[in-house]
Amino acid sequence: MKEKIKSLLKKRNAVMLSHNYQPPEIQDLADLCGDSLELSIKASQTDAEVIVFCGVHFMAETASILSPDKTVLLPRKDAGCPMADMIEPEGLQVMIDKLPWMPVVTYVNSSAAVKAISTICCTSANAVDIVGSLDADEVIMTPDRNLALYTASKTKKKVHTWDGYCPTHDRLHPEDVHNAKRAHPEAVFMAHPECRSEVLDLADVICSTSGMIRYAKESKSTSFIVGTEIGLIHPLKKANPGKKFYPASSKMMCKNMKKISLEDVARSLELMAGEVKVPENIRKPAFQAVQKMVELSLAVNKSA
């Protein structure tokens, strides 16, 4: 199956992307692994004509936003994101209309249609910098309330939150963390900002999935409790063969991230099935929101 996929990738001039939460066999075969936005950016810079995105629907949409001339395939159309489904553009527009004008900061873990009516996008890694850099005293942050609350705790600005959340991260409770710390007292607890505030209060470090991989690599510590989806443990171990990684809880498994199989990838490439294409009337304003984030992030990094 792996040889068949490699052959099909070559035949279609395709690049295979895998999110850090995908099954190990998908990650090991992919051309690129990482966070959703960084994958879409890297894929847009390749000469591939086809992008096979092993992730969930909003990720394939983001790839389509950044690479309108490429064909984007999602091997399983039913691989969705519950948090992205918790907000629709109509509902967000109602919230916008009720409040005085302020920037709308939308997490990239959202649909293209929601991005399209947003001022700027953010990632879990740059949310604090993005909000801090905006020329406004108040902002709307969607759709993740946990990321918004974390961002609010790091800025003096008033943050209006949307009541959405990632079910996988939200189900991690302080007692789970205490249990993991008792089992591994020497371990550093790394938490994703999509976790609840009371869980983040227990964290030794708070960062995105790629941030966790970097932190573990650079840290002198040799054991870590991982407070994000359990799929990340595979790339953590690959990047740090001499270190140990323990899930904060076995409950932190996203079923949608485990739907895509090697067979699905092969079928998608063979039949060119599962295309995700964002219409231009949505793609253009959504692209502007993503592009503003990229430009602002670069400006923040230069001044730091």
Protein backbone atom coordinates (compact mmCIF):
# COMPACT_ATOMS: atom_id res chain seq x y z
CA MET A 1 0.00 0.00 0.00
CA LYS A 2 2.81 2.42 0.86
CA GLU A 3 4.55 1.75 -2.47
CA LYS A 4 1.25 2.23 -4.29
CA ILE A 5 0.73 5.62 -2.59
CA LYS A 6 4.28 6.72 -3.39
CA SER A 7 3.71 5.79 -7.03
CA LEU A 8 0.39 7.65 -7.16
CA LEU A 9 1.90 10.73 -5.51
CA LYS A 10 4.57 10.80 -8.21
CA LYS A 11 2.03 10.19 -10.99
CA ARG A 12 -0.24 13.02 -9.80
CA ASN A 13 2.64 15.40 -8.96
CA ALA A 14 1.17 15.49 -5.47
CA VAL A 15 2.43 16.42 -2.02
CA MET A 16 1.10 14.49 0.99
CA LEU A 17 0.55 16.48 4.20
CA SER A 18 -0.07 15.02 7.64
CA HIS A 19 -1.17 16.82 10.77
CA ASN A 20 0.69 15.93 13.96
CA TYR A 21 -2.40 14.12 15.31
CA GLN A 22 -2.72 11.65 12.41
CA PRO A 23 -1.99 7.90 12.85
CA PRO A 24 1.74 7.01 12.84
CA GLU A 25 1.60 5.21 9.47
CA ILE A 26 0.15 8.35 7.84
CA GLN A 27 2.76 10.64 9.43
CA ASP A 28 5.62 8.33 8.44
CA LEU A 29 4.58 8.31 4.78
CA ALA A 30 3.80 12.03 4.44
CA ASP A 31 6.10 14.48 2.70
CA LEU A 32 5.40 17.09 5.37
CA CYS A 33 4.14 16.85 8.96
CA GLY A 34 3.21 19.65 11.33
CA ASP A 35 0.53 22.12 12.42
CA SER A 36 -2.30 22.79 9.98
CA LEU A 37 -1.37 26.32 8.87
CA GLU A 38 2.36 25.70 8.53
CA LEU A 39 1.54 22.69 6.33
CA SER A 40 -0.70 24.77 4.05
CA ILE A 41 1.94 27.49 3.77
CA LYS A 42 4.70 24.99 2.93
CA ALA A 43 2.48 23.18 0.40
CA SER A 44 1.70 26.48 -1.34
CA GLN A 45 5.43 26.97 -1.87
CA THR A 46 5.89 23.64 -3.67
CA ASP A 47 5.46 23.00 -7.39
CA ALA A 48 3.00 20.17 -6.66
CA GLU A 49 -0.26 20.27 -8.61
CA VAL A 50 -2.15 18.23 -6.01
CA ILE A 51 -2.23 18.50 -2.20
CA VAL A 52 -3.41 15.44 -0.26
CA PHE A 53 -4.26 16.75 3.20
CA CYS A 54 -4.41 14.10 5.92
CA GLY A 55 -6.23 16.09 8.57
CA VAL A 56 -9.75 17.48 8.88
CA HIS A 57 -11.99 19.58 6.64
CA PHE A 58 -11.02 23.09 7.74
CA MET A 59 -7.35 22.22 7.13
CA ALA A 60 -8.07 21.23 3.54
CA GLU A 61 -10.03 24.48 3.15
CA THR A 62 -7.03 26.48 4.39
CA ALA A 63 -4.83 24.72 1.83
CA SER A 64 -7.36 25.66 -0.86
CA ILE A 65 -7.37 29.29 0.38
CA LEU A 66 -3.59 29.52 0.05
CA SER A 67 -3.26 27.39 -3.11
CA PRO A 68 -6.27 28.17 -5.36
CA ASP A 69 -4.48 26.81 -8.42
CA LYS A 70 -3.78 23.43 -6.83
CA THR A 71 -6.22 20.55 -6.40
CA VAL A 72 -6.73 19.83 -2.69
CA LEU A 73 -7.89 16.36 -1.67
CA LEU A 74 -9.23 15.31 1.74
CA PRO A 75 -9.16 11.49 1.69
CA ARG A 76 -12.15 11.27 4.06
CA LYS A 77 -14.86 13.90 3.56
CA ASP A 78 -16.38 12.97 6.94
CA ALA A 79 -13.18 13.99 8.79
CA GLY A 80 -14.50 17.15 10.42
CA CYS A 81 -13.74 19.32 13.42
CA PRO A 82 -16.42 19.66 16.15
CA MET A 83 -15.01 23.03 17.26
CA ALA A 84 -15.07 24.44 13.72
CA ASP A 85 -18.69 23.26 13.50
CA MET A 86 -19.59 25.23 16.65
CA ILE A 87 -19.56 28.52 14.73
CA GLU A 88 -21.22 29.62 11.50
CA PRO A 89 -20.84 32.97 9.71
CA GLU A 90 -24.48 33.89 10.37
CA GLY A 91 -24.05 33.48 14.15
CA LEU A 92 -20.78 35.38 14.17
CA GLN A 93 -22.38 38.21 12.19
CA VAL A 94 -25.11 38.51 14.84
CA MET A 95 -22.41 38.87 17.53
CA ILE A 96 -20.52 41.45 15.43
CA ASP A 97 -23.70 43.51 14.91
CA LYS A 98 -24.53 43.53 18.64
CA LEU A 99 -21.17 44.98 19.70
CA PRO A 100 -19.39 48.24 18.85
CA TRP A 101 -16.88 47.82 16.02
CA MET A 102 -13.78 45.88 17.01
CA PRO A 103 -11.39 43.45 15.27
CA VAL A 104 -12.58 39.86 14.90
CA VAL A 105 -9.69 37.46 15.57
CA THR A 106 -10.50 33.98 14.30
CA TYR A 107 -8.51 30.87 15.14
CA VAL A 108 -7.40 29.03 12.00
CA ASN A 109 -9.34 26.01 13.33
CA SER A 110 -12.50 27.34 11.68
CA SER A 111 -14.30 27.22 8.36
CA ALA A 112 -13.35 29.37 5.38
CA ALA A 113 -16.73 31.08 5.58
CA VAL A 114 -16.04 32.22 9.17
CA LYS A 115 -12.52 33.35 8.25
CA ALA A 116 -14.05 35.38 5.40
CA ILE A 117 -15.95 37.70 7.77
CA SER A 118 -13.05 38.01 10.22
CA THR A 119 -10.51 40.81 10.49
CA ILE A 120 -7.51 38.57 11.05
CA CYS A 121 -6.69 34.94 11.82
CA CYS A 122 -4.45 33.53 14.53
CA THR A 123 -2.88 30.23 15.51
CA SER A 124 -2.48 28.79 18.99
CA ALA A 125 1.18 29.83 18.79
CA ASN A 126 0.69 33.47 17.82
CA ALA A 127 -2.73 34.38 19.31
CA VAL A 128 -1.24 36.46 22.15
CA ASP A 129 1.06 38.39 19.79
CA ILE A 130 -1.71 38.98 17.24
CA VAL A 131 -4.18 40.35 19.79
CA GLY A 132 -1.47 42.39 21.50
CA SER A 133 -0.44 43.99 18.21
CA LEU A 134 -3.92 45.13 17.15
CA ASP A 135 -4.77 48.83 17.47
CA ALA A 136 -7.92 48.26 19.53
CA ASP A 137 -8.83 48.02 23.22
CA GLU A 138 -11.37 45.25 22.63
CA VAL A 139 -11.49 42.24 20.30
CA ILE A 140 -13.81 39.36 19.46
CA MET A 141 -12.06 35.97 19.53
CA THR A 142 -13.61 32.94 17.89
CA PRO A 143 -14.32 30.07 18.07
CA ASP A 144 -12.25 28.63 20.95
CA ARG A 145 -13.17 30.05 24.36
CA ASN A 146 -10.18 28.36 26.02
CA LEU A 147 -7.66 29.92 23.64
CA ALA A 148 -9.48 33.26 24.02
CA LEU A 149 -9.35 33.09 27.83
CA TYR A 150 -5.66 32.18 27.73
CA THR A 151 -5.00 35.11 25.37
CA ALA A 152 -7.02 37.45 27.59
CA SER A 153 -4.87 36.46 30.58
CA LYS A 154 -1.78 37.62 28.65
CA THR A 155 -3.10 41.00 27.49
CA LYS A 156 -4.78 44.07 28.99
CA LYS A 157 -7.34 44.10 26.20
CA LYS A 158 -10.95 43.08 26.68
CA VAL A 159 -11.59 39.83 24.83
CA HIS A 160 -15.16 38.90 23.87
CA THR A 161 -15.29 35.11 23.58
CA TRP A 162 -17.35 32.75 21.45
CA ASP A 163 -18.55 29.71 23.38
CA GLY A 164 -16.81 27.08 21.29
CA TYR A 165 -14.16 24.56 22.31
CA CYS A 166 -12.17 21.54 21.20
CA PRO A 167 -13.86 18.51 22.83
CA THR A 168 -10.55 16.62 22.94
CA HIS A 169 -8.68 19.32 24.88
CA ASP A 170 -11.68 20.42 26.92
CA ARG A 171 -12.12 16.95 28.40
CA LEU A 172 -8.76 17.16 30.17
CA HIS A 173 -9.41 18.06 33.83
CA PRO A 174 -7.05 19.05 36.66
CA GLU A 175 -7.51 15.67 38.36
CA ASP A 176 -6.22 13.96 35.19
CA VAL A 177 -3.12 16.14 35.32
CA HIS A 178 -2.58 15.47 39.03
CA ASN A 179 -2.84 11.72 38.36
CA ALA A 180 -0.27 11.97 35.56
CA LYS A 181 2.06 14.04 37.75
CA ARG A 182 1.81 11.52 40.57
CA ALA A 183 2.68 8.73 38.13
CA HIS A 184 5.56 10.72 36.60
CA PRO A 185 6.73 13.28 39.19
CA GLU A 186 9.91 14.03 37.29
CA ALA A 187 8.09 14.91 34.05
CA VAL A 188 7.52 18.38 32.60
CA PHE A 189 3.84 19.05 31.88
CA MET A 190 3.32 20.61 28.43
CA ALA A 191 -0.21 21.88 27.76
CA HIS A 192 -1.93 23.13 24.62
CA PRO A 193 -3.74 26.50 24.96
CA GLU A 194 -6.96 24.81 23.83
CA CYS A 195 -7.07 23.24 27.32
CA ARG A 196 -9.21 24.65 30.14
CA SER A 197 -7.80 27.54 32.20
CA GLU A 198 -7.58 25.41 35.34
CA VAL A 199 -5.47 22.87 33.41
CA LEU A 200 -3.20 25.58 31.98
CA ASP A 201 -2.63 26.80 35.55
CA LEU A 202 -0.90 23.46 36.23
CA ALA A 203 1.30 23.55 33.13
CA ASP A 204 5.08 23.98 33.16
CA VAL A 205 4.91 25.19 29.58
CA ILE A 206 2.01 26.17 27.27
CA CYS A 207 2.53 25.87 23.53
CA SER A 208 1.24 24.60 20.18
CA THR A 209 1.96 21.10 18.86
CA SER A 210 5.01 22.26 16.88
CA GLY A 211 6.01 24.32 19.91
CA MET A 212 5.93 21.18 22.06
CA ILE A 213 8.21 19.36 19.63
CA ARG A 214 10.67 22.27 19.67
CA TYR A 215 10.50 22.65 23.46
CA ALA A 216 11.10 18.95 24.12
CA LYS A 217 14.07 19.00 21.75
CA GLU A 218 15.69 22.01 23.41
CA SER A 219 14.83 21.10 27.02
CA LYS A 220 17.32 19.43 29.32
CA SER A 221 14.45 17.41 30.80
CA THR A 222 14.14 13.81 29.66
CA SER A 223 10.48 13.08 30.43
CA PHE A 224 7.29 14.94 29.56
CA ILE A 225 3.55 14.76 30.18
CA VAL A 226 1.82 15.70 26.93
CA GLY A 227 -1.36 17.78 27.32
CA THR A 228 -2.71 17.53 23.81
CA GLU A 229 -4.12 14.91 21.41
CA ILE A 230 -2.25 11.63 21.87
CA GLY A 231 -1.18 11.50 18.21
CA LEU A 232 1.54 14.05 18.99
CA ILE A 233 3.45 11.49 21.04
CA HIS A 234 4.59 9.76 17.82
CA PRO A 235 6.45 12.78 16.33
CA LEU A 236 7.71 13.73 19.80
CA LYS A 237 9.34 10.31 20.16
CA LYS A 238 10.74 10.44 16.62
CA ALA A 239 12.32 13.83 17.24
CA ASN A 240 13.60 12.85 20.70
CA PRO A 241 14.56 9.15 20.72
CA GLY A 242 16.26 9.37 24.13
CA LYS A 243 13.34 11.00 25.94
CA LYS A 244 10.06 9.71 27.39
CA PHE A 245 6.56 11.04 26.71
CA TYR A 246 3.36 10.26 28.59
CA PRO A 247 -0.20 11.26 27.67
CA ALA A 248 -1.85 13.57 30.20
CA SER A 249 -4.90 11.35 29.73
CA SER A 250 -5.82 8.47 27.43
CA LYS A 251 -9.14 10.32 26.88
CA MET A 252 -7.38 12.86 24.67
CA MET A 253 -8.01 11.14 21.37
CA CYS A 254 -9.74 12.85 18.44
CA LYS A 255 -11.75 10.31 16.42
CA ASN A 256 -11.85 12.61 13.40
CA MET A 257 -8.06 12.76 13.31
CA LYS A 258 -7.88 8.97 13.19
CA LYS A 259 -10.35 8.43 10.31
CA ILE A 260 -7.92 8.57 7.38
CA SER A 261 -6.21 5.30 6.51
CA LEU A 262 -3.55 4.45 3.93
CA GLU A 263 -6.32 2.86 1.87
CA ASP A 264 -8.23 6.15 1.92
CA VAL A 265 -5.16 8.04 0.71
CA ALA A 266 -4.62 5.56 -2.13
CA ARG A 267 -8.28 5.70 -3.19
CA SER A 268 -8.33 9.49 -3.09
CA LEU A 269 -5.25 9.73 -5.31
CA GLU A 270 -6.40 7.01 -7.67
CA LEU A 271 -9.85 8.52 -8.26
CA MET A 272 -8.92 12.15 -7.47
CA ALA A 273 -11.75 11.91 -4.96
CA GLY A 274 -12.53 14.16 -2.00
CA GLU A 275 -11.68 17.51 -3.58
CA VAL A 276 -12.13 20.54 -1.31
CA LYS A 277 -12.44 23.84 -3.18
CA VAL A 278 -13.24 27.16 -1.51
CA PRO A 279 -15.35 29.44 -3.78
CA GLU A 280 -13.60 32.66 -4.79
CA ASN A 281 -16.15 34.94 -3.08
CA ILE A 282 -15.21 33.27 0.23
CA ARG A 283 -11.57 32.48 -0.55
CA LYS A 284 -10.48 36.08 -1.22
CA PRO A 285 -11.65 37.66 2.08
CA ALA A 286 -10.54 34.53 3.99
CA PHE A 287 -7.10 34.82 2.35
CA GLN A 288 -6.88 38.46 3.45
CA ALA A 289 -7.56 37.45 7.08
CA VAL A 290 -4.82 34.79 6.92
CA GLN A 291 -2.42 37.09 5.07
CA LYS A 292 -2.86 39.86 7.67
CA MET A 293 -1.89 37.36 10.36
CA VAL A 294 1.24 36.26 8.47
CA GLU A 295 2.31 39.88 7.88
CA LEU A 296 1.65 40.91 11.49
CA SER A 297 3.51 37.85 12.80
CA LEU A 298 6.54 38.75 10.69
CA ALA A 299 6.43 42.35 11.96
CA VAL A 300 6.19 41.19 15.59
CA ASN A 301 9.12 38.78 15.14
CA LYS A 302 11.28 41.53 13.58
CA SER A 303 10.64 43.92 16.45
CA ALA A 304 11.21 41.26 19.14
